[in-house]
Amino acid sequence: MSKARPIKPENKHYYETIGMNISIYRKYRNMTQEVLAEEAGISKAHVATIESPGQIKSCSLETLFDIARALGCEPAQLLTPILKQEDLNKN
């Protein structure tokens, strides 16, 4: 079994985008983290960690595909920023 590779600093924003997009799509569909976790076949704690802006948590492609399917979107949509950093800084 292979060990997880460390996350490179230059890739951090990709993980943040994925987590933010999962949260946005989940809330848009009026889903709780618990419901998403159940439909994706993962734990609620894993969903919470992936969505958490203060933590960088990698996930397998299988998990990403399962989350996308549960959210009713394509995996690529989770990789593409929905909001720009300037939009987040307005609040």
PDB file of N, CA and C in Angstrom:
ATOM      1  N   MET A   1       0.844  -1.176   0.000  1.00  0.00           N
ATOM      2  CA  MET A   1       0.000   0.000   0.000  1.00  0.00           C
ATOM      3  C   MET A   1       0.894   1.245   0.000  1.00  0.00           C
ATOM      4  N   SER A   2       0.573   2.203  -0.847  1.00  0.00           N
ATOM      5  CA  SER A   2       1.400   3.400  -0.942  1.00  0.00           C
ATOM      6  C   SER A   2       1.014   4.425   0.123  1.00  0.00           C
ATOM      7  N   LYS A   3       1.976   5.218   0.498  1.00  0.00           N
ATOM      8  CA  LYS A   3       1.740   6.274   1.476  1.00  0.00           C
ATOM      9  C   LYS A   3       1.271   7.533   0.759  1.00  0.00           C
ATOM     10  N   ALA A   4       0.476   8.326   1.473  1.00  0.00           N
ATOM     11  CA  ALA A   4      -0.003   9.582   0.897  1.00  0.00           C
ATOM     12  C   ALA A   4       1.180  10.526   0.705  1.00  0.00           C
ATOM     13  N   ARG A   5       1.182  11.187  -0.432  1.00  0.00           N
ATOM     14  CA  ARG A   5       2.235  12.161  -0.700  1.00  0.00           C
ATOM     15  C   ARG A   5       1.904  13.456   0.019  1.00  0.00           C
ATOM     16  N   PRO A   6       2.920  14.170   0.472  1.00  0.00           N
ATOM     17  CA  PRO A   6       2.645  15.466   1.105  1.00  0.00           C
ATOM     18  C   PRO A   6       2.076  16.449   0.081  1.00  0.00           C
ATOM     19  N   ILE A   7       1.236  17.337   0.558  1.00  0.00           N
ATOM     20  CA  ILE A   7       0.621  18.338  -0.312  1.00  0.00           C
ATOM     21  C   ILE A   7       1.616  19.474  -0.532  1.00  0.00           C
ATOM     22  N   LYS A   8       1.852  19.790  -1.786  1.00  0.00           N
ATOM     23  CA  LYS A   8       2.784  20.865  -2.133  1.00  0.00           C
ATOM     24  C   LYS A   8       2.108  22.220  -1.909  1.00  0.00           C
ATOM     25  N   PRO A   9       2.845  23.186  -1.398  1.00  0.00           N
ATOM     26  CA  PRO A   9       2.274  24.520  -1.160  1.00  0.00           C
ATOM     27  C   PRO A   9       1.642  25.136  -2.411  1.00  0.00           C
ATOM     28  N   GLU A  10       2.225  24.882  -3.566  1.00  0.00           N
ATOM     29  CA  GLU A  10       1.701  25.472  -4.798  1.00  0.00           C
ATOM     30  C   GLU A  10       0.372  24.836  -5.235  1.00  0.00           C
ATOM     31  N   ASN A  11      -0.012  23.726  -4.609  1.00  0.00           N
ATOM     32  CA  ASN A  11      -1.292  23.079  -4.922  1.00  0.00           C
ATOM     33  C   ASN A  11      -2.379  23.374  -3.895  1.00  0.00           C
ATOM     34  N   LYS A  12      -2.029  24.084  -2.847  1.00  0.00           N
ATOM     35  CA  LYS A  12      -2.968  24.340  -1.748  1.00  0.00           C
ATOM     36  C   LYS A  12      -4.271  24.966  -2.247  1.00  0.00           C
ATOM     37  N   HIS A  13      -4.189  25.907  -3.184  1.00  0.00           N
ATOM     38  CA  HIS A  13      -5.404  26.582  -3.645  1.00  0.00           C
ATOM     39  C   HIS A  13      -6.358  25.629  -4.353  1.00  0.00           C
ATOM     40  N   TYR A  14      -5.851  24.559  -4.961  1.00  0.00           N
ATOM     41  CA  TYR A  14      -6.737  23.574  -5.594  1.00  0.00           C
ATOM     42  C   TYR A  14      -7.579  22.859  -4.537  1.00  0.00           C
ATOM     43  N   TYR A  15      -6.945  22.483  -3.450  1.00  0.00           N
ATOM     44  CA  TYR A  15      -7.668  21.814  -2.368  1.00  0.00           C
ATOM     45  C   TYR A  15      -8.695  22.756  -1.739  1.00  0.00           C
ATOM     46  N   GLU A  16      -8.325  24.023  -1.584  1.00  0.00           N
ATOM     47  CA  GLU A  16      -9.258  25.003  -1.038  1.00  0.00           C
ATOM     48  C   GLU A  16     -10.454  25.188  -1.969  1.00  0.00           C
ATOM     49  N   THR A  17     -10.195  25.224  -3.280  1.00  0.00           N
ATOM     50  CA  THR A  17     -11.272  25.366  -4.264  1.00  0.00           C
ATOM     51  C   THR A  17     -12.216  24.172  -4.205  1.00  0.00           C
ATOM     52  N   ILE A  18     -11.668  22.979  -4.155  1.00  0.00           N
ATOM     53  CA  ILE A  18     -12.504  21.781  -4.080  1.00  0.00           C
ATOM     54  C   ILE A  18     -13.384  21.823  -2.832  1.00  0.00           C
ATOM     55  N   GLY A  19     -12.785  22.117  -1.695  1.00  0.00           N
ATOM     56  CA  GLY A  19     -13.553  22.170  -0.452  1.00  0.00           C
ATOM     57  C   GLY A  19     -14.642  23.224  -0.487  1.00  0.00           C
ATOM     58  N   MET A  20     -14.313  24.406  -1.002  1.00  0.00           N
ATOM     59  CA  MET A  20     -15.290  25.486  -1.083  1.00  0.00           C
ATOM     60  C   MET A  20     -16.419  25.114  -2.039  1.00  0.00           C
ATOM     61  N   ASN A  21     -16.075  24.544  -3.189  1.00  0.00           N
ATOM     62  CA  ASN A  21     -17.095  24.171  -4.162  1.00  0.00           C
ATOM     63  C   ASN A  21     -18.016  23.073  -3.641  1.00  0.00           C
ATOM     64  N   ILE A  22     -17.467  22.102  -2.938  1.00  0.00           N
ATOM     65  CA  ILE A  22     -18.303  21.061  -2.345  1.00  0.00           C
ATOM     66  C   ILE A  22     -19.299  21.703  -1.389  1.00  0.00           C
ATOM     67  N   SER A  23     -18.826  22.608  -0.561  1.00  0.00           N
ATOM     68  CA  SER A  23     -19.705  23.299   0.382  1.00  0.00           C
ATOM     69  C   SER A  23     -20.790  24.105  -0.342  1.00  0.00           C
ATOM     70  N   ILE A  24     -20.404  24.822  -1.393  1.00  0.00           N
ATOM     71  CA  ILE A  24     -21.365  25.641  -2.152  1.00  0.00           C
ATOM     72  C   ILE A  24     -22.417  24.766  -2.812  1.00  0.00           C
ATOM     73  N   TYR A  25     -22.010  23.718  -3.513  1.00  0.00           N
ATOM     74  CA  TYR A  25     -22.964  22.827  -4.174  1.00  0.00           C
ATOM     75  C   TYR A  25     -23.862  22.127  -3.148  1.00  0.00           C
ATOM     76  N   ARG A  26     -23.284  21.719  -2.042  1.00  0.00           N
ATOM     77  CA  ARG A  26     -24.061  21.029  -1.003  1.00  0.00           C
ATOM     78  C   ARG A  26     -25.142  21.949  -0.443  1.00  0.00           C
ATOM     79  N   LYS A  27     -24.767  23.174  -0.121  1.00  0.00           N
ATOM     80  CA  LYS A  27     -25.734  24.125   0.432  1.00  0.00           C
ATOM     81  C   LYS A  27     -26.777  24.516  -0.611  1.00  0.00           C
ATOM     82  N   TYR A  28     -26.372  24.663  -1.859  1.00  0.00           N
ATOM     83  CA  TYR A  28     -27.305  24.985  -2.940  1.00  0.00           C
ATOM     84  C   TYR A  28     -28.375  23.900  -3.065  1.00  0.00           C
ATOM     85  N   ARG A  29     -27.982  22.667  -2.801  1.00  0.00           N
ATOM     86  CA  ARG A  29     -28.916  21.545  -2.892  1.00  0.00           C
ATOM     87  C   ARG A  29     -29.586  21.242  -1.553  1.00  0.00           C
ATOM     88  N   ASN A  30     -29.416  22.155  -0.596  1.00  0.00           N
ATOM     89  CA  ASN A  30     -30.030  22.016   0.736  1.00  0.00           C
ATOM     90  C   ASN A  30     -29.684  20.683   1.401  1.00  0.00           C
ATOM     91  N   MET A  31     -28.425  20.279   1.281  1.00  0.00           N
ATOM     92  CA  MET A  31     -27.954  19.039   1.887  1.00  0.00           C
ATOM     93  C   MET A  31     -27.119  19.360   3.113  1.00  0.00           C
ATOM     94  N   THR A  32     -27.235  18.543   4.117  1.00  0.00           N
ATOM     95  CA  THR A  32     -26.340  18.651   5.260  1.00  0.00           C
ATOM     96  C   THR A  32     -25.075  17.857   4.948  1.00  0.00           C
ATOM     97  N   GLN A  33     -24.041  18.085   5.731  1.00  0.00           N
ATOM     98  CA  GLN A  33     -22.819  17.297   5.562  1.00  0.00           C
ATOM     99  C   GLN A  33     -23.118  15.824   5.803  1.00  0.00           C
ATOM    100  N   GLU A  34     -24.012  15.552   6.732  1.00  0.00           N
ATOM    101  CA  GLU A  34     -24.369  14.167   7.038  1.00  0.00           C
ATOM    102  C   GLU A  34     -25.038  13.481   5.847  1.00  0.00           C
ATOM    103  N   VAL A  35     -25.962  14.168   5.194  1.00  0.00           N
ATOM    104  CA  VAL A  35     -26.643  13.600   4.024  1.00  0.00           C
ATOM    105  C   VAL A  35     -25.653  13.388   2.887  1.00  0.00           C
ATOM    106  N   LEU A  36     -24.808  14.383   2.625  1.00  0.00           N
ATOM    107  CA  LEU A  36     -23.801  14.230   1.573  1.00  0.00           C
ATOM    108  C   LEU A  36     -22.893  13.044   1.867  1.00  0.00           C
ATOM    109  N   ALA A  37     -22.439  12.948   3.096  1.00  0.00           N
ATOM    110  CA  ALA A  37     -21.556  11.847   3.483  1.00  0.00           C
ATOM    111  C   ALA A  37     -22.231  10.498   3.244  1.00  0.00           C
ATOM    112  N   GLU A  38     -23.476  10.392   3.633  1.00  0.00           N
ATOM    113  CA  GLU A  38     -24.208   9.135   3.456  1.00  0.00           C
ATOM    114  C   GLU A  38     -24.350   8.789   1.976  1.00  0.00           C
ATOM    115  N   GLU A  39     -24.725   9.764   1.167  1.00  0.00           N
ATOM    116  CA  GLU A  39     -24.915   9.511  -0.264  1.00  0.00           C
ATOM    117  C   GLU A  39     -23.606   9.231  -0.991  1.00  0.00           C
ATOM    118  N   ALA A  40     -22.502   9.803  -0.491  1.00  0.00           N
ATOM    119  CA  ALA A  40     -21.194   9.582  -1.113  1.00  0.00           C
ATOM    120  C   ALA A  40     -20.471   8.370  -0.531  1.00  0.00           C
ATOM    121  N   GLY A  41     -21.005   7.820   0.555  1.00  0.00           N
ATOM    122  CA  GLY A  41     -20.380   6.643   1.153  1.00  0.00           C
ATOM    123  C   GLY A  41     -19.118   6.940   1.940  1.00  0.00           C
ATOM    124  N   ILE A  42     -19.062   8.132   2.529  1.00  0.00           N
ATOM    125  CA  ILE A  42     -17.913   8.505   3.353  1.00  0.00           C
ATOM    126  C   ILE A  42     -18.434   9.016   4.698  1.00  0.00           C
ATOM    127  N   SER A  43     -17.534   9.315   5.622  1.00  0.00           N
ATOM    128  CA  SER A  43     -17.965   9.798   6.936  1.00  0.00           C
ATOM    129  C   SER A  43     -18.254  11.298   6.902  1.00  0.00           C
ATOM    130  N   LYS A  44     -19.120  11.727   7.808  1.00  0.00           N
ATOM    131  CA  LYS A  44     -19.424  13.152   7.946  1.00  0.00           C
ATOM    132  C   LYS A  44     -18.153  13.919   8.320  1.00  0.00           C
ATOM    133  N   ALA A  45     -17.313  13.313   9.142  1.00  0.00           N
ATOM    134  CA  ALA A  45     -16.061  13.958   9.542  1.00  0.00           C
ATOM    135  C   ALA A  45     -15.165  14.204   8.328  1.00  0.00           C
ATOM    136  N   HIS A  46     -15.161  13.273   7.376  1.00  0.00           N
ATOM    137  CA  HIS A  46     -14.337  13.443   6.168  1.00  0.00           C
ATOM    138  C   HIS A  46     -14.879  14.600   5.335  1.00  0.00           C
ATOM    139  N   VAL A  47     -16.204  14.680   5.180  1.00  0.00           N
ATOM    140  CA  VAL A  47     -16.806  15.804   4.455  1.00  0.00           C
ATOM    141  C   VAL A  47     -16.439  17.112   5.130  1.00  0.00           C
ATOM    142  N   ALA A  48     -16.583  17.168   6.452  1.00  0.00           N
ATOM    143  CA  ALA A  48     -16.285  18.395   7.198  1.00  0.00           C
ATOM    144  C   ALA A  48     -14.831  18.808   7.026  1.00  0.00           C
ATOM    145  N   THR A  49     -13.922  17.846   7.047  1.00  0.00           N
ATOM    146  CA  THR A  49     -12.498  18.154   6.893  1.00  0.00           C
ATOM    147  C   THR A  49     -12.194  18.659   5.484  1.00  0.00           C
ATOM    148  N   ILE A  50     -12.787  18.027   4.477  1.00  0.00           N
ATOM    149  CA  ILE A  50     -12.557  18.459   3.088  1.00  0.00           C
ATOM    150  C   ILE A  50     -13.070  19.882   2.889  1.00  0.00           C
ATOM    151  N   GLU A  51     -14.233  20.197   3.474  1.00  0.00           N
ATOM    152  CA  GLU A  51     -14.833  21.522   3.310  1.00  0.00           C
ATOM    153  C   GLU A  51     -14.144  22.601   4.143  1.00  0.00           C
ATOM    154  N   SER A  52     -13.451  22.220   5.184  1.00  0.00           N
ATOM    155  CA  SER A  52     -12.869  23.179   6.117  1.00  0.00           C
ATOM    156  C   SER A  52     -11.798  24.050   5.453  1.00  0.00           C
ATOM    157  N   PRO A  53     -11.993  25.380   5.452  1.00  0.00           N
ATOM    158  CA  PRO A  53     -11.011  26.247   4.803  1.00  0.00           C
ATOM    159  C   PRO A  53      -9.671  26.294   5.537  1.00  0.00           C
ATOM    160  N   GLY A  54      -9.648  25.948   6.800  1.00  0.00           N
ATOM    161  CA  GLY A  54      -8.417  26.006   7.575  1.00  0.00           C
ATOM    162  C   GLY A  54      -7.582  24.746   7.501  1.00  0.00           C
ATOM    163  N   GLN A  55      -8.137  23.692   6.904  1.00  0.00           N
ATOM    164  CA  GLN A  55      -7.432  22.429   6.813  1.00  0.00           C
ATOM    165  C   GLN A  55      -7.332  22.017   5.351  1.00  0.00           C
ATOM    166  N   ILE A  56      -6.231  21.438   5.004  1.00  0.00           N
ATOM    167  CA  ILE A  56      -6.065  20.903   3.662  1.00  0.00           C
ATOM    168  C   ILE A  56      -6.079  19.390   3.800  1.00  0.00           C
ATOM    169  N   LYS A  57      -7.094  18.784   3.219  1.00  0.00           N
ATOM    170  CA  LYS A  57      -7.253  17.330   3.303  1.00  0.00           C
ATOM    171  C   LYS A  57      -7.387  16.771   1.903  1.00  0.00           C
ATOM    172  N   SER A  58      -6.491  15.888   1.549  1.00  0.00           N
ATOM    173  CA  SER A  58      -6.587  15.273   0.231  1.00  0.00           C
ATOM    174  C   SER A  58      -7.644  14.178   0.267  1.00  0.00           C
ATOM    175  N   CYS A  59      -8.137  13.841  -0.907  1.00  0.00           N
ATOM    176  CA  CYS A  59      -9.061  12.723  -1.023  1.00  0.00           C
ATOM    177  C   CYS A  59      -8.756  12.012  -2.330  1.00  0.00           C
ATOM    178  N   SER A  60      -9.153  10.784  -2.402  1.00  0.00           N
ATOM    179  CA  SER A  60      -8.909  10.012  -3.616  1.00  0.00           C
ATOM    180  C   SER A  60      -9.829  10.485  -4.732  1.00  0.00           C
ATOM    181  N   LEU A  61      -9.468  10.140  -5.951  1.00  0.00           N
ATOM    182  CA  LEU A  61     -10.347  10.443  -7.076  1.00  0.00           C
ATOM    183  C   LEU A  61     -11.682   9.723  -6.918  1.00  0.00           C
ATOM    184  N   GLU A  62     -11.669   8.515  -6.398  1.00  0.00           N
ATOM    185  CA  GLU A  62     -12.915   7.780  -6.170  1.00  0.00           C
ATOM    186  C   GLU A  62     -13.838   8.571  -5.244  1.00  0.00           C
ATOM    187  N   THR A  63     -13.273   9.119  -4.180  1.00  0.00           N
ATOM    188  CA  THR A  63     -14.065   9.915  -3.248  1.00  0.00           C
ATOM    189  C   THR A  63     -14.583  11.168  -3.939  1.00  0.00           C
ATOM    190  N   LEU A  64     -13.730  11.834  -4.706  1.00  0.00           N
ATOM    191  CA  LEU A  64     -14.156  13.027  -5.433  1.00  0.00           C
ATOM    192  C   LEU A  64     -15.291  12.690  -6.398  1.00  0.00           C
ATOM    193  N   PHE A  65     -15.180  11.569  -7.108  1.00  0.00           N
ATOM    194  CA  PHE A  65     -16.237  11.150  -8.037  1.00  0.00           C
ATOM    195  C   PHE A  65     -17.536  10.853  -7.297  1.00  0.00           C
ATOM    196  N   ASP A  66     -17.431  10.171  -6.152  1.00  0.00           N
ATOM    197  CA  ASP A  66     -18.623   9.844  -5.360  1.00  0.00           C
ATOM    198  C   ASP A  66     -19.303  11.099  -4.823  1.00  0.00           C
ATOM    199  N   ILE A  67     -18.502  12.073  -4.386  1.00  0.00           N
ATOM    200  CA  ILE A  67     -19.069  13.343  -3.896  1.00  0.00           C
ATOM    201  C   ILE A  67     -19.761  14.076  -5.039  1.00  0.00           C
ATOM    202  N   ALA A  68     -19.115  14.146  -6.189  1.00  0.00           N
ATOM    203  CA  ALA A  68     -19.713  14.821  -7.343  1.00  0.00           C
ATOM    204  C   ALA A  68     -21.035  14.165  -7.723  1.00  0.00           C
ATOM    205  N   ARG A  69     -21.053  12.854  -7.746  1.00  0.00           N
ATOM    206  CA  ARG A  69     -22.284  12.128  -8.092  1.00  0.00           C
ATOM    207  C   ARG A  69     -23.383  12.444  -7.075  1.00  0.00           C
ATOM    208  N   ALA A  70     -23.041  12.457  -5.801  1.00  0.00           N
ATOM    209  CA  ALA A  70     -24.023  12.756  -4.754  1.00  0.00           C
ATOM    210  C   ALA A  70     -24.546  14.190  -4.875  1.00  0.00           C
ATOM    211  N   LEU A  71     -23.696  15.091  -5.364  1.00  0.00           N
ATOM    212  CA  LEU A  71     -24.096  16.491  -5.535  1.00  0.00           C
ATOM    213  C   LEU A  71     -24.787  16.746  -6.878  1.00  0.00           C
ATOM    214  N   GLY A  72     -24.767  15.758  -7.753  1.00  0.00           N
ATOM    215  CA  GLY A  72     -25.398  15.916  -9.054  1.00  0.00           C
ATOM    216  C   GLY A  72     -24.625  16.822  -9.985  1.00  0.00           C
ATOM    217  N   CYS A  73     -23.301  16.779  -9.886  1.00  0.00           N
ATOM    218  CA  CYS A  73     -22.475  17.604 -10.767  1.00  0.00           C
ATOM    219  C   CYS A  73     -21.330  16.761 -11.315  1.00  0.00           C
ATOM    220  N   GLU A  74     -20.599  17.333 -12.242  1.00  0.00           N
ATOM    221  CA  GLU A  74     -19.430  16.676 -12.804  1.00  0.00           C
ATOM    222  C   GLU A  74     -18.221  16.947 -11.905  1.00  0.00           C
ATOM    223  N   PRO A  75     -17.296  16.009 -11.781  1.00  0.00           N
ATOM    224  CA  PRO A  75     -16.105  16.244 -10.962  1.00  0.00           C
ATOM    225  C   PRO A  75     -15.354  17.519 -11.354  1.00  0.00           C
ATOM    226  N   ALA A  76     -15.313  17.835 -12.633  1.00  0.00           N
ATOM    227  CA  ALA A  76     -14.608  19.042 -13.082  1.00  0.00           C
ATOM    228  C   ALA A  76     -15.194  20.310 -12.471  1.00  0.00           C
ATOM    229  N   GLN A  77     -16.489  20.295 -12.190  1.00  0.00           N
ATOM    230  CA  GLN A  77     -17.115  21.467 -11.573  1.00  0.00           C
ATOM    231  C   GLN A  77     -16.574  21.719 -10.168  1.00  0.00           C
ATOM    232  N   LEU A  78     -16.117  20.688  -9.507  1.00  0.00           N
ATOM    233  CA  LEU A  78     -15.568  20.850  -8.163  1.00  0.00           C
ATOM    234  C   LEU A  78     -14.147  21.411  -8.205  1.00  0.00           C
ATOM    235  N   LEU A  79     -13.510  21.341  -9.370  1.00  0.00           N
ATOM    236  CA  LEU A  79     -12.146  21.845  -9.528  1.00  0.00           C
ATOM    237  C   LEU A  79     -12.091  23.271 -10.056  1.00  0.00           C
ATOM    238  N   THR A  80     -13.207  23.760 -10.569  1.00  0.00           N
ATOM    239  CA  THR A  80     -13.255  25.081 -11.179  1.00  0.00           C
ATOM    240  C   THR A  80     -13.791  26.097 -10.182  1.00  0.00           C
ATOM    241  N   PRO A  81     -13.037  27.157  -9.903  1.00  0.00           N
ATOM    242  CA  PRO A  81     -13.513  28.141  -8.916  1.00  0.00           C
ATOM    243  C   PRO A  81     -14.870  28.737  -9.307  1.00  0.00           C
ATOM    244  N   ILE A  82     -15.785  28.746  -8.356  1.00  0.00           N
ATOM    245  CA  ILE A  82     -17.097  29.366  -8.536  1.00  0.00           C
ATOM    246  C   ILE A  82     -17.002  30.830  -8.126  1.00  0.00           C
ATOM    247  N   LEU A  83     -16.324  31.059  -7.015  1.00  0.00           N
ATOM    248  CA  LEU A  83     -16.141  32.407  -6.491  1.00  0.00           C
ATOM    249  C   LEU A  83     -14.684  32.818  -6.675  1.00  0.00           C
ATOM    250  N   LYS A  84     -14.480  34.088  -6.863  1.00  0.00           N
ATOM    251  CA  LYS A  84     -13.127  34.627  -6.944  1.00  0.00           C
ATOM    252  C   LYS A  84     -12.719  35.111  -5.565  1.00  0.00           C
ATOM    253  N   GLN A  85     -11.445  35.179  -5.310  1.00  0.00           N
ATOM    254  CA  GLN A  85     -10.947  35.609  -4.016  1.00  0.00           C
ATOM    255  C   GLN A  85     -11.483  36.986  -3.646  1.00  0.00           C
ATOM    256  N   GLU A  86     -11.609  37.885  -4.650  1.00  0.00           N
ATOM    257  CA  GLU A  86     -12.130  39.222  -4.353  1.00  0.00           C
ATOM    258  C   GLU A  86     -13.567  39.166  -3.843  1.00  0.00           C
ATOM    259  N   ASP A  87     -14.354  38.193  -4.347  1.00  0.00           N
ATOM    260  CA  ASP A  87     -15.737  38.028  -3.882  1.00  0.00           C
ATOM    261  C   ASP A  87     -15.756  37.619  -2.416  1.00  0.00           C
ATOM    262  N   LEU A  88     -14.810  36.782  -2.024  1.00  0.00           N
ATOM    263  CA  LEU A  88     -14.748  36.327  -0.639  1.00  0.00           C
ATOM    264  C   LEU A  88     -14.307  37.440   0.298  1.00  0.00           C
ATOM    265  N   ASN A  89     -13.473  38.345  -0.186  1.00  0.00           N
ATOM    266  CA  ASN A  89     -12.948  39.424   0.640  1.00  0.00           C
ATOM    267  C   ASN A  89     -13.924  40.572   0.826  1.00  0.00           C
ATOM    268  N   LYS A  90     -15.051  40.569   0.118  1.00  0.00           N
ATOM    269  CA  LYS A  90     -16.018  41.647   0.234  1.00  0.00           C
ATOM    270  C   LYS A  90     -16.728  41.678   1.574  1.00  0.00           C
ATOM    271  N   ASN A  91     -16.827  40.531   2.228  1.00  0.00           N
ATOM    272  CA  ASN A  91     -17.560  40.464   3.511  1.00  0.00           C
ATOM    273  C   ASN A  91     -16.678  40.849   4.669  1.00  0.00           C
TER     274      ASN A  91
END
